[in-house]
Amino acid sequence: LLALIERRLDLAASIAAAKTEETDADNELLLRPAREASVIARLGALSRRIPQASITAIWRELMAINLQAQRPIEIALSATRHPARIQLMARARFGTIIPIREMASPEAALEKARTGKGIALIEIGEGDWWAGLRDHPELSIIDGLLGEGGRGSALAVGRLSPDRLGEDRSFAVLEQAELAARLGRGEAVCPIAVSGNLNLCVIERVAPLSRAAA
């Protein structure tokens, strides 16, 4: 198994060398959340003995090692209330190989994300920094790490095109009127933070609820 993994890393290094010009011009992260989710789901369906949680942990780590071999990145963390908890969740989601650097503010973490060389991981509750994401279309909410009862929740933000996300749930900043319209259509949209007329929402990718069920 080790030999196969290291052979795969050799291939990743070769791919990175062959794409140097392309990646230099493209500052987007090499993450492919939709692809990752698809691979993990397929492997989970094939497994007879290995629990889904173990498959997820193993393959997320292998994917992280492979990505770091192609283009190293780091996690720029801004969290003052639950930093240890968020770091643990970050390791589970993005792998242990990606270094975590604590930043002085959400703005500093977002600046790192804009370079394409890092993922900004910012605690929800560290001000209303997320409201400004509407003015920065180059940044996408990659994923949310939601702590139990909302404690220790954070958003992962980076330079990633929306078509690469494709998870079962997504996150968006919605004005009050748009939120009301979506709820009226029976969409599974849940606000988790509010700033004036803006709402940070979790959007579940499920079939719209019927009015009767709602």
C-alpha atoms as a PDB file:
ATOM      1  CA  LEU A   1       0.000   0.000   0.000  1.00  0.00           C
ATOM      2  CA  LEU A   2       2.787   2.419   0.897  1.00  0.00           C
ATOM      3  CA  ALA A   3       4.594   1.764  -2.379  1.00  0.00           C
ATOM      4  CA  LEU A   4       1.433   2.444  -4.369  1.00  0.00           C
ATOM      5  CA  ILE A   5       0.755   5.680  -2.495  1.00  0.00           C
ATOM      6  CA  GLU A   6       4.295   6.914  -3.093  1.00  0.00           C
ATOM      7  CA  ARG A   7       4.100   5.995  -6.781  1.00  0.00           C
ATOM      8  CA  ARG A   8       0.930   8.071  -6.962  1.00  0.00           C
ATOM      9  CA  LEU A   9       2.763  10.994  -5.361  1.00  0.00           C
ATOM     10  CA  ASP A  10       5.524  10.684  -7.954  1.00  0.00           C
ATOM     11  CA  LEU A  11       2.842  11.002 -10.628  1.00  0.00           C
ATOM     12  CA  ALA A  12       1.369  14.027  -8.866  1.00  0.00           C
ATOM     13  CA  ALA A  13       4.774  15.708  -8.877  1.00  0.00           C
ATOM     14  CA  SER A  14       5.132  14.981 -12.603  1.00  0.00           C
ATOM     15  CA  ILE A  15       1.667  16.433 -13.284  1.00  0.00           C
ATOM     16  CA  ALA A  16       2.566  19.547 -11.320  1.00  0.00           C
ATOM     17  CA  ALA A  17       5.755  20.023 -13.324  1.00  0.00           C
ATOM     18  CA  ALA A  18       3.904  19.574 -16.626  1.00  0.00           C
ATOM     19  CA  LYS A  19       1.275  22.158 -15.633  1.00  0.00           C
ATOM     20  CA  THR A  20       3.596  24.799 -14.212  1.00  0.00           C
ATOM     21  CA  GLU A  21       2.645  27.462 -16.739  1.00  0.00           C
ATOM     22  CA  GLU A  22      -1.074  26.777 -16.409  1.00  0.00           C
ATOM     23  CA  THR A  23      -1.100  26.797 -12.609  1.00  0.00           C
ATOM     24  CA  ASP A  24       0.999  29.935 -12.455  1.00  0.00           C
ATOM     25  CA  ALA A  25      -1.652  31.706 -14.538  1.00  0.00           C
ATOM     26  CA  ASP A  26      -4.526  30.210 -12.578  1.00  0.00           C
ATOM     27  CA  ASN A  27      -4.636  31.223  -8.914  1.00  0.00           C
ATOM     28  CA  GLU A  28      -7.531  28.930  -8.059  1.00  0.00           C
ATOM     29  CA  LEU A  29      -7.029  26.175  -5.524  1.00  0.00           C
ATOM     30  CA  LEU A  30      -6.596  22.665  -6.883  1.00  0.00           C
ATOM     31  CA  LEU A  31      -9.365  21.427  -4.592  1.00  0.00           C
ATOM     32  CA  ARG A  32     -12.215  19.541  -6.253  1.00  0.00           C
ATOM     33  CA  PRO A  33     -14.849  19.164  -3.498  1.00  0.00           C
ATOM     34  CA  ALA A  34     -17.456  17.706  -5.869  1.00  0.00           C
ATOM     35  CA  ARG A  35     -15.001  15.116  -7.146  1.00  0.00           C
ATOM     36  CA  GLU A  36     -13.844  14.291  -3.624  1.00  0.00           C
ATOM     37  CA  ALA A  37     -17.409  13.732  -2.447  1.00  0.00           C
ATOM     38  CA  SER A  38     -18.175  11.548  -5.474  1.00  0.00           C
ATOM     39  CA  VAL A  39     -15.122   9.333  -4.950  1.00  0.00           C
ATOM     40  CA  ILE A  40     -15.755   8.909  -1.227  1.00  0.00           C
ATOM     41  CA  ALA A  41     -19.436   8.088  -1.788  1.00  0.00           C
ATOM     42  CA  ARG A  42     -18.554   5.499  -4.450  1.00  0.00           C
ATOM     43  CA  LEU A  43     -15.964   3.831  -2.239  1.00  0.00           C
ATOM     44  CA  GLY A  44     -18.368   3.804   0.681  1.00  0.00           C
ATOM     45  CA  ALA A  45     -20.914   1.970  -1.456  1.00  0.00           C
ATOM     46  CA  LEU A  46     -18.298  -0.643  -2.441  1.00  0.00           C
ATOM     47  CA  SER A  47     -17.006  -1.300   1.068  1.00  0.00           C
ATOM     48  CA  ARG A  48     -18.084  -4.449   2.895  1.00  0.00           C
ATOM     49  CA  ARG A  49     -16.230  -4.075   6.197  1.00  0.00           C
ATOM     50  CA  ILE A  50     -14.748  -0.578   6.441  1.00  0.00           C
ATOM     51  CA  PRO A  51     -17.042   2.044   8.043  1.00  0.00           C
ATOM     52  CA  GLN A  52     -17.936   5.088   5.964  1.00  0.00           C
ATOM     53  CA  ALA A  53     -16.281   7.391   8.495  1.00  0.00           C
ATOM     54  CA  SER A  54     -12.988   5.506   8.133  1.00  0.00           C
ATOM     55  CA  ILE A  55     -13.144   5.633   4.340  1.00  0.00           C
ATOM     56  CA  THR A  56     -13.788   9.355   4.494  1.00  0.00           C
ATOM     57  CA  ALA A  57     -10.836   9.956   6.833  1.00  0.00           C
ATOM     58  CA  ILE A  58      -8.416   7.781   4.837  1.00  0.00           C
ATOM     59  CA  TRP A  59      -9.261   9.206   1.429  1.00  0.00           C
ATOM     60  CA  ARG A  60      -9.408  12.805   2.543  1.00  0.00           C
ATOM     61  CA  GLU A  61      -5.885  12.400   3.900  1.00  0.00           C
ATOM     62  CA  LEU A  62      -4.662  10.748   0.686  1.00  0.00           C
ATOM     63  CA  MET A  63      -6.257  13.505  -1.394  1.00  0.00           C
ATOM     64  CA  ALA A  64      -4.633  16.173   0.768  1.00  0.00           C
ATOM     65  CA  ILE A  65      -1.195  14.562   0.410  1.00  0.00           C
ATOM     66  CA  ASN A  66      -1.662  14.389  -3.353  1.00  0.00           C
ATOM     67  CA  LEU A  67      -2.738  18.038  -3.610  1.00  0.00           C
ATOM     68  CA  GLN A  68       0.173  19.227  -1.464  1.00  0.00           C
ATOM     69  CA  ALA A  69       2.537  17.372  -3.784  1.00  0.00           C
ATOM     70  CA  GLN A  70       1.147  19.337  -6.739  1.00  0.00           C
ATOM     71  CA  ARG A  71       0.894  22.804  -5.180  1.00  0.00           C
ATOM     72  CA  PRO A  72       1.371  23.405  -1.441  1.00  0.00           C
ATOM     73  CA  ILE A  73      -1.226  25.500   0.352  1.00  0.00           C
ATOM     74  CA  GLU A  74      -1.958  26.339   3.962  1.00  0.00           C
ATOM     75  CA  ILE A  75      -5.015  26.987   6.090  1.00  0.00           C
ATOM     76  CA  ALA A  76      -5.209  30.592   7.305  1.00  0.00           C
ATOM     77  CA  LEU A  77      -7.144  30.329  10.572  1.00  0.00           C
ATOM     78  CA  SER A  78      -8.951  33.184  12.285  1.00  0.00           C
ATOM     79  CA  ALA A  79     -10.677  31.966  15.437  1.00  0.00           C
ATOM     80  CA  THR A  80     -10.638  33.420  18.933  1.00  0.00           C
ATOM     81  CA  ARG A  81     -13.455  31.605  20.706  1.00  0.00           C
ATOM     82  CA  HIS A  82     -12.977  27.930  19.779  1.00  0.00           C
ATOM     83  CA  PRO A  83      -9.620  27.664  17.946  1.00  0.00           C
ATOM     84  CA  ALA A  84      -8.738  24.158  19.161  1.00  0.00           C
ATOM     85  CA  ARG A  85     -12.115  22.721  18.182  1.00  0.00           C
ATOM     86  CA  ILE A  86     -11.994  24.320  14.738  1.00  0.00           C
ATOM     87  CA  GLN A  87      -8.460  23.067  14.155  1.00  0.00           C
ATOM     88  CA  LEU A  88      -9.599  19.514  14.873  1.00  0.00           C
ATOM     89  CA  MET A  89     -12.482  19.851  12.431  1.00  0.00           C
ATOM     90  CA  ALA A  90     -10.131  21.344   9.850  1.00  0.00           C
ATOM     91  CA  ARG A  91      -7.833  18.341  10.127  1.00  0.00           C
ATOM     92  CA  ALA A  92     -10.759  15.979   9.609  1.00  0.00           C
ATOM     93  CA  ARG A  93     -12.002  17.915   6.565  1.00  0.00           C
ATOM     94  CA  PHE A  94      -8.759  18.924   4.827  1.00  0.00           C
ATOM     95  CA  GLY A  95      -6.201  16.414   6.109  1.00  0.00           C
ATOM     96  CA  THR A  96      -3.350  16.629   8.590  1.00  0.00           C
ATOM     97  CA  ILE A  97      -0.641  17.455   6.034  1.00  0.00           C
ATOM     98  CA  ILE A  98      -1.897  20.969   5.274  1.00  0.00           C
ATOM     99  CA  PRO A  99      -0.275  23.399   7.729  1.00  0.00           C
ATOM    100  CA  ILE A 100      -2.486  25.696   9.777  1.00  0.00           C
ATOM    101  CA  ARG A 101      -1.335  29.268  10.379  1.00  0.00           C
ATOM    102  CA  GLU A 102      -3.168  31.456  12.867  1.00  0.00           C
ATOM    103  CA  MET A 103      -4.018  34.890  11.463  1.00  0.00           C
ATOM    104  CA  ALA A 104      -4.592  38.143  13.318  1.00  0.00           C
ATOM    105  CA  SER A 105      -8.014  38.837  11.793  1.00  0.00           C
ATOM    106  CA  PRO A 106     -10.637  37.528   9.344  1.00  0.00           C
ATOM    107  CA  GLU A 107      -9.405  40.107   6.817  1.00  0.00           C
ATOM    108  CA  ALA A 108      -5.866  38.737   7.007  1.00  0.00           C
ATOM    109  CA  ALA A 109      -7.150  35.195   6.458  1.00  0.00           C
ATOM    110  CA  LEU A 110      -9.221  36.302   3.453  1.00  0.00           C
ATOM    111  CA  GLU A 111      -6.210  38.093   1.972  1.00  0.00           C
ATOM    112  CA  LYS A 112      -4.314  34.807   2.068  1.00  0.00           C
ATOM    113  CA  ALA A 113      -7.217  33.089   0.316  1.00  0.00           C
ATOM    114  CA  ARG A 114      -7.205  35.702  -2.465  1.00  0.00           C
ATOM    115  CA  THR A 115      -3.671  34.683  -3.430  1.00  0.00           C
ATOM    116  CA  GLY A 116      -4.849  31.158  -4.227  1.00  0.00           C
ATOM    117  CA  LYS A 117      -2.213  29.783  -1.856  1.00  0.00           C
ATOM    118  CA  GLY A 118      -4.433  29.151   1.116  1.00  0.00           C
ATOM    119  CA  ILE A 119      -7.851  28.379   2.518  1.00  0.00           C
ATOM    120  CA  ALA A 120      -9.267  30.998   4.865  1.00  0.00           C
ATOM    121  CA  LEU A 121     -10.909  29.232   7.785  1.00  0.00           C
ATOM    122  CA  ILE A 122     -12.808  31.818   9.819  1.00  0.00           C
ATOM    123  CA  GLU A 123     -14.991  31.287  12.865  1.00  0.00           C
ATOM    124  CA  ILE A 124     -18.611  32.303  12.490  1.00  0.00           C
ATOM    125  CA  GLY A 125     -19.166  34.976  15.092  1.00  0.00           C
ATOM    126  CA  GLU A 126     -15.887  36.783  14.410  1.00  0.00           C
ATOM    127  CA  GLY A 127     -17.844  39.847  13.304  1.00  0.00           C
ATOM    128  CA  ASP A 128     -19.833  40.070  10.072  1.00  0.00           C
ATOM    129  CA  TRP A 129     -16.851  39.531   7.730  1.00  0.00           C
ATOM    130  CA  TRP A 130     -18.877  37.001   5.700  1.00  0.00           C
ATOM    131  CA  ALA A 131     -21.265  39.741   4.511  1.00  0.00           C
ATOM    132  CA  GLY A 132     -18.450  41.179   2.380  1.00  0.00           C
ATOM    133  CA  LEU A 133     -18.136  37.982   0.343  1.00  0.00           C
ATOM    134  CA  ARG A 134     -20.905  39.282  -1.936  1.00  0.00           C
ATOM    135  CA  ASP A 135     -18.464  41.966  -3.085  1.00  0.00           C
ATOM    136  CA  HIS A 136     -15.667  39.480  -3.801  1.00  0.00           C
ATOM    137  CA  PRO A 137     -16.896  37.013  -6.447  1.00  0.00           C
ATOM    138  CA  GLU A 138     -13.397  35.562  -6.803  1.00  0.00           C
ATOM    139  CA  LEU A 139     -13.886  33.901  -3.412  1.00  0.00           C
ATOM    140  CA  SER A 140     -16.223  30.986  -2.783  1.00  0.00           C
ATOM    141  CA  ILE A 141     -17.411  29.333   0.406  1.00  0.00           C
ATOM    142  CA  ILE A 142     -15.802  25.918   0.017  1.00  0.00           C
ATOM    143  CA  ASP A 143     -17.419  24.295   3.018  1.00  0.00           C
ATOM    144  CA  GLY A 144     -18.733  24.925   6.486  1.00  0.00           C
ATOM    145  CA  LEU A 145     -17.421  23.224   9.605  1.00  0.00           C
ATOM    146  CA  LEU A 146     -20.441  23.266  11.858  1.00  0.00           C
ATOM    147  CA  GLY A 147     -19.838  22.594  15.517  1.00  0.00           C
ATOM    148  CA  GLU A 148     -22.472  21.027  17.743  1.00  0.00           C
ATOM    149  CA  GLY A 149     -25.081  23.585  18.703  1.00  0.00           C
ATOM    150  CA  GLY A 150     -23.309  26.143  16.528  1.00  0.00           C
ATOM    151  CA  ARG A 151     -20.340  26.301  18.917  1.00  0.00           C
ATOM    152  CA  GLY A 152     -17.037  26.322  17.103  1.00  0.00           C
ATOM    153  CA  SER A 153     -18.515  26.710  13.626  1.00  0.00           C
ATOM    154  CA  ALA A 154     -16.410  28.125  10.813  1.00  0.00           C
ATOM    155  CA  LEU A 155     -16.446  28.757   7.073  1.00  0.00           C
ATOM    156  CA  ALA A 156     -13.712  27.669   4.678  1.00  0.00           C
ATOM    157  CA  VAL A 157     -13.250  30.253   1.915  1.00  0.00           C
ATOM    158  CA  GLY A 158     -10.944  30.244  -1.096  1.00  0.00           C
ATOM    159  CA  ARG A 159     -10.441  30.947  -4.789  1.00  0.00           C
ATOM    160  CA  LEU A 160     -12.544  28.190  -6.303  1.00  0.00           C
ATOM    161  CA  SER A 161     -15.098  28.335  -9.102  1.00  0.00           C
ATOM    162  CA  PRO A 162     -18.664  27.386  -8.036  1.00  0.00           C
ATOM    163  CA  ASP A 163     -18.825  24.498 -10.537  1.00  0.00           C
ATOM    164  CA  ARG A 164     -16.116  22.686  -8.539  1.00  0.00           C
ATOM    165  CA  LEU A 165     -18.073  22.705  -5.288  1.00  0.00           C
ATOM    166  CA  GLY A 166     -21.069  20.434  -5.792  1.00  0.00           C
ATOM    167  CA  GLU A 167     -21.468  19.205  -2.226  1.00  0.00           C
ATOM    168  CA  ASP A 168     -24.791  18.043  -0.813  1.00  0.00           C
ATOM    169  CA  ARG A 169     -25.050  21.379   0.938  1.00  0.00           C
ATOM    170  CA  SER A 170     -23.728  24.798   0.145  1.00  0.00           C
ATOM    171  CA  PHE A 171     -23.500  28.172   1.826  1.00  0.00           C
ATOM    172  CA  ALA A 172     -24.608  31.557   0.529  1.00  0.00           C
ATOM    173  CA  VAL A 173     -25.058  35.150   1.619  1.00  0.00           C
ATOM    174  CA  LEU A 174     -28.674  36.117   0.847  1.00  0.00           C
ATOM    175  CA  GLU A 175     -30.600  39.334   1.205  1.00  0.00           C
ATOM    176  CA  GLN A 176     -33.769  39.102   3.292  1.00  0.00           C
ATOM    177  CA  ALA A 177     -36.081  39.254   0.258  1.00  0.00           C
ATOM    178  CA  GLU A 178     -34.231  36.441  -1.532  1.00  0.00           C
ATOM    179  CA  LEU A 179     -34.244  34.314   1.607  1.00  0.00           C
ATOM    180  CA  ALA A 180     -38.004  34.822   1.994  1.00  0.00           C
ATOM    181  CA  ALA A 181     -38.564  33.933  -1.668  1.00  0.00           C
ATOM    182  CA  ARG A 182     -36.569  30.727  -1.391  1.00  0.00           C
ATOM    183  CA  LEU A 183     -38.347  29.693   1.785  1.00  0.00           C
ATOM    184  CA  GLY A 184     -41.656  30.443   0.075  1.00  0.00           C
ATOM    185  CA  ARG A 185     -40.707  28.021  -2.721  1.00  0.00           C
ATOM    186  CA  GLY A 186     -40.074  25.319  -0.134  1.00  0.00           C
ATOM    187  CA  GLU A 187     -36.304  25.288  -0.473  1.00  0.00           C
ATOM    188  CA  ALA A 188     -34.271  23.906   2.416  1.00  0.00           C
ATOM    189  CA  VAL A 189     -32.499  27.132   3.409  1.00  0.00           C
ATOM    190  CA  CYS A 190     -31.423  27.756   6.989  1.00  0.00           C
ATOM    191  CA  PRO A 191     -29.974  31.107   8.204  1.00  0.00           C
ATOM    192  CA  ILE A 192     -27.090  30.640  10.631  1.00  0.00           C
ATOM    193  CA  ALA A 193     -25.926  34.274  10.999  1.00  0.00           C
ATOM    194  CA  VAL A 194     -27.468  37.696  10.353  1.00  0.00           C
ATOM    195  CA  SER A 195     -25.972  41.107   9.588  1.00  0.00           C
ATOM    196  CA  GLY A 196     -28.492  43.846   8.798  1.00  0.00           C
ATOM    197  CA  ASN A 197     -30.339  42.818   5.631  1.00  0.00           C
ATOM    198  CA  LEU A 198     -27.964  39.932   4.902  1.00  0.00           C
ATOM    199  CA  ASN A 199     -28.203  36.326   6.029  1.00  0.00           C
ATOM    200  CA  LEU A 200     -25.523  33.652   5.982  1.00  0.00           C
ATOM    201  CA  CYS A 201     -27.415  30.515   5.013  1.00  0.00           C
ATOM    202  CA  VAL A 202     -26.922  26.782   4.713  1.00  0.00           C
ATOM    203  CA  ILE A 203     -28.629  25.461   1.585  1.00  0.00           C
ATOM    204  CA  GLU A 204     -29.394  21.768   1.510  1.00  0.00           C
ATOM    205  CA  ARG A 205     -29.378  20.280  -1.983  1.00  0.00           C
ATOM    206  CA  VAL A 206     -32.600  18.284  -1.700  1.00  0.00           C
ATOM    207  CA  ALA A 207     -35.882  18.277  -3.554  1.00  0.00           C
ATOM    208  CA  PRO A 208     -38.063  21.251  -2.587  1.00  0.00           C
ATOM    209  CA  LEU A 209     -40.369  20.535   0.306  1.00  0.00           C
ATOM    210  CA  SER A 210     -44.066  20.419  -0.387  1.00  0.00           C
ATOM    211  CA  ARG A 211     -46.198  22.984   1.396  1.00  0.00           C
ATOM    212  CA  ALA A 212     -48.009  20.163   3.129  1.00  0.00           C
ATOM    213  CA  ALA A 213     -44.756  18.724   4.466  1.00  0.00           C
ATOM    214  CA  ALA A 214     -43.555  22.176   5.489  1.00  0.00           C
END
